[in-house]
Amino acid sequence: MANGLERNGRRRVFNRRWLYVFAYLMLVFVLSAQPNLHVPGDVPYRDKFVHVLEYGGLGWLVYRAVIVSWPDAGATRRAVLSILALSAVGAIDEKFQAGVPGRDSSVFDWAADTVGVSLAQVISVALEKRRGVS
């Protein structure tokens, strides 16, 4: 498989793992577009925890798509590029939220997004190396 496409006879078929990534991204932006959406409860920094989980899930899905799409790229290279790309997505998401009534946008939310992606990538790479895949 190269570039997220696999050969199926004479035609190319998009790697379905990328469909999961795009569906998850759509969900992230649909939730970001909801006015006055807040995390319930009274635990301090609960919204940061949700950002870490949300983008950790996205990071895991991207890891699964990238490892199949670019198997010859080293695990570290895939992880670093994924972190950079998804950190940019987190920044775009925060900028988008700034225009939604009743929603907050902050650099700390973006940092939590980046932490979630980074944790997902580090754990995935460690597990990959442990299994001896790369």
N, C-alpha and C. Protein backbone atom coordinates (compact mmCIF):
# COMPACT_ATOMS: atom_id res chain seq x y z
N MET A 1 0.84 -1.17 0.00
CA MET A 1 0.00 0.00 0.00
C MET A 1 0.88 1.24 0.00
N ALA A 2 0.55 2.17 -0.81
CA ALA A 2 1.31 3.40 -0.87
C ALA A 2 0.35 4.58 -0.87
N ASN A 3 0.72 5.60 -0.13
CA ASN A 3 -0.06 6.83 -0.09
C ASN A 3 -1.52 6.61 0.29
N GLY A 4 -1.78 5.66 1.19
CA GLY A 4 -3.14 5.43 1.66
C GLY A 4 -4.03 4.72 0.66
N LEU A 5 -3.44 4.22 -0.42
CA LEU A 5 -4.22 3.52 -1.43
C LEU A 5 -3.72 2.09 -1.56
N GLU A 6 -4.61 1.19 -1.79
CA GLU A 6 -4.18 -0.19 -2.02
C GLU A 6 -4.68 -0.63 -3.39
N ARG A 7 -3.97 -1.52 -3.99
CA ARG A 7 -4.37 -2.01 -5.30
C ARG A 7 -5.41 -3.11 -5.13
N ASN A 8 -6.46 -3.03 -5.88
CA ASN A 8 -7.50 -4.04 -5.88
C ASN A 8 -7.74 -4.36 -7.35
N GLY A 9 -7.04 -5.38 -7.84
CA GLY A 9 -7.11 -5.66 -9.27
C GLY A 9 -6.41 -4.55 -10.03
N ARG A 10 -7.14 -3.88 -10.94
CA ARG A 10 -6.53 -2.82 -11.75
C ARG A 10 -6.87 -1.43 -11.21
N ARG A 11 -7.70 -1.34 -10.18
CA ARG A 11 -8.06 -0.02 -9.67
C ARG A 11 -7.48 0.18 -8.27
N ARG A 12 -7.47 1.41 -7.83
CA ARG A 12 -6.95 1.72 -6.51
C ARG A 12 -8.12 2.00 -5.58
N VAL A 13 -8.00 1.49 -4.36
CA VAL A 13 -9.05 1.68 -3.37
C VAL A 13 -8.45 2.43 -2.18
N PHE A 14 -9.15 3.46 -1.75
CA PHE A 14 -8.69 4.26 -0.62
C PHE A 14 -8.64 3.40 0.64
N ASN A 15 -7.59 3.52 1.40
CA ASN A 15 -7.43 2.79 2.65
C ASN A 15 -8.52 3.24 3.61
N ARG A 16 -9.36 2.32 4.06
CA ARG A 16 -10.52 2.69 4.88
C ARG A 16 -10.12 3.26 6.23
N ARG A 17 -8.92 3.03 6.69
CA ARG A 17 -8.50 3.61 7.97
C ARG A 17 -8.52 5.14 7.91
N TRP A 18 -8.27 5.70 6.73
CA TRP A 18 -8.35 7.15 6.59
C TRP A 18 -9.80 7.63 6.67
N LEU A 19 -10.73 6.79 6.29
CA LEU A 19 -12.14 7.16 6.44
C LEU A 19 -12.50 7.34 7.90
N TYR A 20 -11.96 6.48 8.76
CA TYR A 20 -12.19 6.62 10.20
C TYR A 20 -11.61 7.93 10.71
N VAL A 21 -10.43 8.28 10.23
CA VAL A 21 -9.81 9.55 10.62
C VAL A 21 -10.69 10.72 10.20
N PHE A 22 -11.14 10.72 8.95
CA PHE A 22 -11.97 11.83 8.47
C PHE A 22 -13.31 11.89 9.20
N ALA A 23 -13.89 10.74 9.50
CA ALA A 23 -15.15 10.72 10.25
C ALA A 23 -14.94 11.29 11.66
N TYR A 24 -13.85 10.93 12.29
CA TYR A 24 -13.55 11.43 13.62
C TYR A 24 -13.32 12.94 13.58
N LEU A 25 -12.61 13.41 12.56
CA LEU A 25 -12.39 14.85 12.41
C LEU A 25 -13.71 15.58 12.22
N MET A 26 -14.61 15.00 11.45
CA MET A 26 -15.92 15.62 11.27
C MET A 26 -16.64 15.72 12.60
N LEU A 27 -16.57 14.66 13.41
CA LEU A 27 -17.20 14.68 14.72
C LEU A 27 -16.60 15.77 15.60
N VAL A 28 -15.28 15.90 15.58
CA VAL A 28 -14.61 16.94 16.37
C VAL A 28 -15.14 18.32 15.99
N PHE A 29 -15.23 18.59 14.69
CA PHE A 29 -15.66 19.91 14.26
C PHE A 29 -17.17 20.12 14.44
N VAL A 30 -17.96 19.06 14.35
CA VAL A 30 -19.39 19.19 14.65
C VAL A 30 -19.58 19.55 16.12
N LEU A 31 -18.85 18.88 16.99
CA LEU A 31 -18.93 19.21 18.42
C LEU A 31 -18.40 20.62 18.70
N SER A 32 -17.37 21.01 17.99
CA SER A 32 -16.82 22.36 18.17
C SER A 32 -17.79 23.44 17.74
N ALA A 33 -18.69 23.11 16.83
CA ALA A 33 -19.65 24.08 16.31
C ALA A 33 -20.88 24.23 17.20
N GLN A 34 -20.98 23.42 18.25
CA GLN A 34 -22.15 23.48 19.12
C GLN A 34 -22.02 24.65 20.09
N PRO A 35 -22.96 25.60 20.03
CA PRO A 35 -22.90 26.74 20.95
C PRO A 35 -23.13 26.28 22.39
N ASN A 36 -22.42 26.93 23.31
CA ASN A 36 -22.62 26.71 24.75
C ASN A 36 -22.42 25.26 25.19
N LEU A 37 -21.60 24.51 24.51
CA LEU A 37 -21.31 23.13 24.90
C LEU A 37 -20.22 23.14 25.96
N HIS A 38 -20.51 22.54 27.10
CA HIS A 38 -19.55 22.49 28.21
C HIS A 38 -19.49 21.09 28.78
N VAL A 39 -18.34 20.75 29.34
CA VAL A 39 -18.15 19.45 29.98
C VAL A 39 -18.86 19.49 31.33
N PRO A 40 -19.77 18.54 31.60
CA PRO A 40 -20.47 18.56 32.89
C PRO A 40 -19.54 18.18 34.04
N GLY A 41 -19.93 18.56 35.23
CA GLY A 41 -19.17 18.21 36.42
C GLY A 41 -18.48 19.42 37.01
N ASP A 42 -17.79 19.16 38.13
CA ASP A 42 -17.12 20.26 38.81
C ASP A 42 -15.65 19.96 39.09
N VAL A 43 -15.10 18.98 38.40
CA VAL A 43 -13.68 18.64 38.55
C VAL A 43 -12.85 19.72 37.85
N PRO A 44 -11.86 20.26 38.55
CA PRO A 44 -11.03 21.29 37.91
C PRO A 44 -10.32 20.74 36.66
N TYR A 45 -10.23 21.55 35.66
CA TYR A 45 -9.52 21.23 34.41
C TYR A 45 -10.11 20.03 33.67
N ARG A 46 -11.37 19.73 33.92
CA ARG A 46 -12.00 18.59 33.25
C ARG A 46 -12.03 18.78 31.74
N ASP A 47 -12.15 20.02 31.29
CA ASP A 47 -12.16 20.26 29.84
C ASP A 47 -10.81 19.93 29.21
N LYS A 48 -9.73 20.15 29.95
CA LYS A 48 -8.39 19.81 29.41
C LYS A 48 -8.25 18.30 29.30
N PHE A 49 -8.78 17.59 30.29
CA PHE A 49 -8.75 16.12 30.26
C PHE A 49 -9.52 15.61 29.04
N VAL A 50 -10.67 16.22 28.76
CA VAL A 50 -11.47 15.82 27.59
C VAL A 50 -10.71 16.12 26.30
N HIS A 51 -10.00 17.24 26.24
CA HIS A 51 -9.19 17.55 25.06
C HIS A 51 -8.10 16.50 24.85
N VAL A 52 -7.44 16.09 25.95
CA VAL A 52 -6.40 15.06 25.85
C VAL A 52 -6.99 13.76 25.33
N LEU A 53 -8.14 13.37 25.86
CA LEU A 53 -8.78 12.12 25.40
C LEU A 53 -9.25 12.23 23.95
N GLU A 54 -9.87 13.35 23.61
CA GLU A 54 -10.40 13.54 22.25
C GLU A 54 -9.28 13.46 21.20
N TYR A 55 -8.21 14.20 21.44
CA TYR A 55 -7.12 14.20 20.47
C TYR A 55 -6.22 12.98 20.61
N GLY A 56 -6.23 12.34 21.76
CA GLY A 56 -5.54 11.05 21.90
C GLY A 56 -6.18 10.00 21.00
N GLY A 57 -7.52 9.99 20.98
CA GLY A 57 -8.24 9.08 20.09
C GLY A 57 -7.94 9.37 18.63
N LEU A 58 -7.91 10.64 18.29
CA LEU A 58 -7.58 11.03 16.91
C LEU A 58 -6.15 10.62 16.58
N GLY A 59 -5.24 10.83 17.52
CA GLY A 59 -3.84 10.44 17.30
C GLY A 59 -3.69 8.95 17.07
N TRP A 60 -4.47 8.14 17.81
CA TRP A 60 -4.41 6.69 17.64
C TRP A 60 -4.93 6.29 16.26
N LEU A 61 -6.05 6.89 15.85
CA LEU A 61 -6.60 6.58 14.52
C LEU A 61 -5.61 6.97 13.42
N VAL A 62 -4.98 8.12 13.56
CA VAL A 62 -4.00 8.55 12.55
C VAL A 62 -2.81 7.61 12.55
N TYR A 63 -2.34 7.19 13.71
CA TYR A 63 -1.24 6.23 13.78
C TYR A 63 -1.57 4.98 12.97
N ARG A 64 -2.79 4.45 13.19
CA ARG A 64 -3.21 3.23 12.48
C ARG A 64 -3.29 3.44 10.98
N ALA A 65 -3.69 4.63 10.54
CA ALA A 65 -3.78 4.91 9.11
C ALA A 65 -2.38 5.12 8.51
N VAL A 66 -1.54 5.82 9.23
CA VAL A 66 -0.22 6.17 8.72
C VAL A 66 0.69 4.95 8.62
N ILE A 67 0.61 4.05 9.58
CA ILE A 67 1.50 2.88 9.57
C ILE A 67 1.21 1.99 8.35
N VAL A 68 -0.05 1.94 7.93
CA VAL A 68 -0.41 1.15 6.75
C VAL A 68 -0.07 1.91 5.47
N SER A 69 -0.27 3.23 5.50
CA SER A 69 -0.05 4.03 4.30
C SER A 69 1.43 4.22 3.97
N TRP A 70 2.26 4.39 4.99
CA TRP A 70 3.68 4.64 4.78
C TRP A 70 4.51 3.72 5.66
N PRO A 71 4.48 2.41 5.37
CA PRO A 71 5.17 1.45 6.24
C PRO A 71 6.70 1.59 6.19
N ASP A 72 7.23 2.14 5.11
CA ASP A 72 8.68 2.23 5.00
C ASP A 72 9.26 3.44 5.72
N ALA A 73 8.42 4.41 6.06
CA ALA A 73 8.90 5.54 6.86
C ALA A 73 9.12 5.03 8.28
N GLY A 74 10.14 5.51 8.93
CA GLY A 74 10.43 5.07 10.28
C GLY A 74 9.32 5.46 11.25
N ALA A 75 9.22 4.71 12.34
CA ALA A 75 8.17 4.95 13.33
C ALA A 75 8.29 6.35 13.92
N THR A 76 9.50 6.80 14.19
CA THR A 76 9.70 8.13 14.76
C THR A 76 9.28 9.20 13.78
N ARG A 77 9.64 9.05 12.53
CA ARG A 77 9.27 10.03 11.51
C ARG A 77 7.75 10.11 11.37
N ARG A 78 7.09 8.96 11.32
CA ARG A 78 5.62 8.95 11.24
C ARG A 78 5.00 9.65 12.44
N ALA A 79 5.53 9.37 13.62
CA ALA A 79 4.98 9.96 14.85
C ALA A 79 5.17 11.47 14.88
N VAL A 80 6.36 11.93 14.55
CA VAL A 80 6.63 13.38 14.58
C VAL A 80 5.76 14.11 13.57
N LEU A 81 5.66 13.58 12.36
CA LEU A 81 4.82 14.24 11.34
C LEU A 81 3.34 14.22 11.74
N SER A 82 2.91 13.14 12.36
CA SER A 82 1.52 13.06 12.83
C SER A 82 1.27 14.09 13.93
N ILE A 83 2.21 14.21 14.86
CA ILE A 83 2.06 15.19 15.93
C ILE A 83 1.98 16.59 15.37
N LEU A 84 2.87 16.92 14.45
CA LEU A 84 2.85 18.26 13.85
C LEU A 84 1.54 18.54 13.12
N ALA A 85 1.10 17.57 12.33
CA ALA A 85 -0.14 17.76 11.55
C ALA A 85 -1.35 17.90 12.47
N LEU A 86 -1.44 17.03 13.47
CA LEU A 86 -2.62 17.06 14.34
C LEU A 86 -2.58 18.22 15.32
N SER A 87 -1.40 18.68 15.66
CA SER A 87 -1.30 19.89 16.46
C SER A 87 -1.83 21.08 15.68
N ALA A 88 -1.53 21.12 14.38
CA ALA A 88 -2.08 22.17 13.52
C ALA A 88 -3.60 22.07 13.44
N VAL A 89 -4.12 20.85 13.36
CA VAL A 89 -5.57 20.65 13.35
C VAL A 89 -6.17 21.18 14.65
N GLY A 90 -5.51 20.92 15.77
CA GLY A 90 -5.98 21.42 17.06
C GLY A 90 -6.01 22.95 17.08
N ALA A 91 -5.00 23.58 16.51
CA ALA A 91 -4.97 25.05 16.44
C ALA A 91 -6.12 25.57 15.57
N ILE A 92 -6.37 24.90 14.46
CA ILE A 92 -7.47 25.29 13.58
C ILE A 92 -8.81 25.12 14.30
N ASP A 93 -8.94 24.03 15.03
CA ASP A 93 -10.15 23.77 15.80
C ASP A 93 -10.38 24.87 16.83
N GLU A 94 -9.34 25.28 17.53
CA GLU A 94 -9.48 26.35 18.52
C GLU A 94 -9.84 27.68 17.86
N LYS A 95 -9.25 27.95 16.72
CA LYS A 95 -9.59 29.18 15.99
C LYS A 95 -11.05 29.14 15.55
N PHE A 96 -11.49 27.99 15.09
CA PHE A 96 -12.88 27.80 14.68
C PHE A 96 -13.83 28.04 15.86
N GLN A 97 -13.48 27.47 17.02
CA GLN A 97 -14.32 27.62 18.21
C GLN A 97 -14.42 29.06 18.67
N ALA A 98 -13.42 29.86 18.38
CA ALA A 98 -13.43 31.26 18.81
C ALA A 98 -14.63 32.00 18.23
N GLY A 99 -15.13 31.55 17.09
CA GLY A 99 -16.27 32.20 16.45
C GLY A 99 -17.61 31.60 16.80
N VAL A 100 -17.64 30.61 17.69
CA VAL A 100 -18.89 29.95 18.06
C VAL A 100 -19.40 30.57 19.36
N PRO A 101 -20.63 31.05 19.38
CA PRO A 101 -21.18 31.69 20.59
C PRO A 101 -21.16 30.74 21.79
N GLY A 102 -20.71 31.25 22.91
CA GLY A 102 -20.72 30.47 24.14
C GLY A 102 -19.58 29.47 24.26
N ARG A 103 -18.63 29.50 23.33
CA ARG A 103 -17.49 28.57 23.37
C ARG A 103 -16.22 29.36 23.67
N ASP A 104 -15.33 28.73 24.41
CA ASP A 104 -14.04 29.33 24.72
C ASP A 104 -12.97 28.75 23.81
N SER A 105 -12.01 29.57 23.49
CA SER A 105 -10.87 29.13 22.70
C SER A 105 -9.63 29.59 23.44
N SER A 106 -8.71 28.65 23.69
CA SER A 106 -7.50 29.06 24.41
C SER A 106 -6.30 28.25 23.95
N VAL A 107 -5.15 28.84 24.18
CA VAL A 107 -3.90 28.17 23.86
C VAL A 107 -3.73 26.93 24.76
N PHE A 108 -4.34 26.95 25.93
CA PHE A 108 -4.24 25.80 26.84
C PHE A 108 -5.04 24.61 26.32
N ASP A 109 -6.17 24.88 25.66
CA ASP A 109 -6.93 23.81 25.02
C ASP A 109 -6.11 23.21 23.88
N TRP A 110 -5.47 24.06 23.09
CA TRP A 110 -4.61 23.59 22.00
C TRP A 110 -3.45 22.75 22.56
N ALA A 111 -2.88 23.20 23.67
CA ALA A 111 -1.78 22.44 24.29
C ALA A 111 -2.27 21.07 24.74
N ALA A 112 -3.48 21.02 25.31
CA ALA A 112 -4.04 19.72 25.73
C ALA A 112 -4.29 18.82 24.53
N ASP A 113 -4.74 19.41 23.41
CA ASP A 113 -4.90 18.63 22.17
C ASP A 113 -3.57 18.02 21.75
N THR A 114 -2.52 18.84 21.78
CA THR A 114 -1.19 18.40 21.36
C THR A 114 -0.65 17.33 22.31
N VAL A 115 -0.91 17.48 23.60
CA VAL A 115 -0.48 16.47 24.57
C VAL A 115 -1.18 15.14 24.28
N GLY A 116 -2.49 15.18 23.99
CA GLY A 116 -3.23 13.96 23.68
C GLY A 116 -2.68 13.25 22.47
N VAL A 117 -2.42 14.01 21.41
CA VAL A 117 -1.85 13.43 20.18
C VAL A 117 -0.47 12.85 20.46
N SER A 118 0.33 13.60 21.19
CA SER A 118 1.70 13.15 21.49
C SER A 118 1.70 11.86 22.31
N LEU A 119 0.84 11.80 23.32
CA LEU A 119 0.75 10.58 24.12
C LEU A 119 0.34 9.38 23.27
N ALA A 120 -0.64 9.58 22.41
CA ALA A 120 -1.09 8.49 21.54
C ALA A 120 0.04 8.02 20.63
N GLN A 121 0.79 8.95 20.09
CA GLN A 121 1.88 8.58 19.19
C GLN A 121 3.01 7.87 19.95
N VAL A 122 3.38 8.39 21.11
CA VAL A 122 4.46 7.78 21.88
C VAL A 122 4.09 6.36 22.31
N ILE A 123 2.88 6.20 22.80
CA ILE A 123 2.43 4.86 23.22
C ILE A 123 2.37 3.92 22.03
N SER A 124 1.85 4.39 20.90
CA SER A 124 1.74 3.55 19.71
C SER A 124 3.11 3.14 19.18
N VAL A 125 4.05 4.08 19.15
CA VAL A 125 5.40 3.76 18.67
C VAL A 125 6.08 2.78 19.63
N ALA A 126 5.90 2.99 20.93
CA ALA A 126 6.51 2.08 21.91
C ALA A 126 5.96 0.66 21.74
N LEU A 127 4.65 0.56 21.55
CA LEU A 127 4.05 -0.76 21.33
C LEU A 127 4.52 -1.37 20.01
N GLU A 128 4.66 -0.53 18.99
CA GLU A 128 5.14 -1.01 17.69
C GLU A 128 6.56 -1.55 17.83
N LYS A 129 7.42 -0.83 18.51
CA LYS A 129 8.80 -1.28 18.69
C LYS A 129 8.87 -2.53 19.57
N ARG A 130 7.98 -2.60 20.55
CA ARG A 130 7.95 -3.78 21.43
C ARG A 130 7.58 -5.03 20.66
N ARG A 131 6.64 -4.87 19.71
CA ARG A 131 6.23 -6.01 18.87
C ARG A 131 7.27 -6.32 17.79
N GLY A 132 8.23 -5.40 17.59
CA GLY A 132 9.25 -5.61 16.58
C GLY A 132 8.79 -5.34 15.19
N VAL A 133 7.74 -4.51 15.03
CA VAL A 133 7.20 -4.20 13.72
C VAL A 133 8.13 -3.29 12.97
N SER A 134 8.71 -2.30 13.65
CA SER A 134 9.55 -1.34 12.94
C SER A 134 10.91 -1.22 13.57
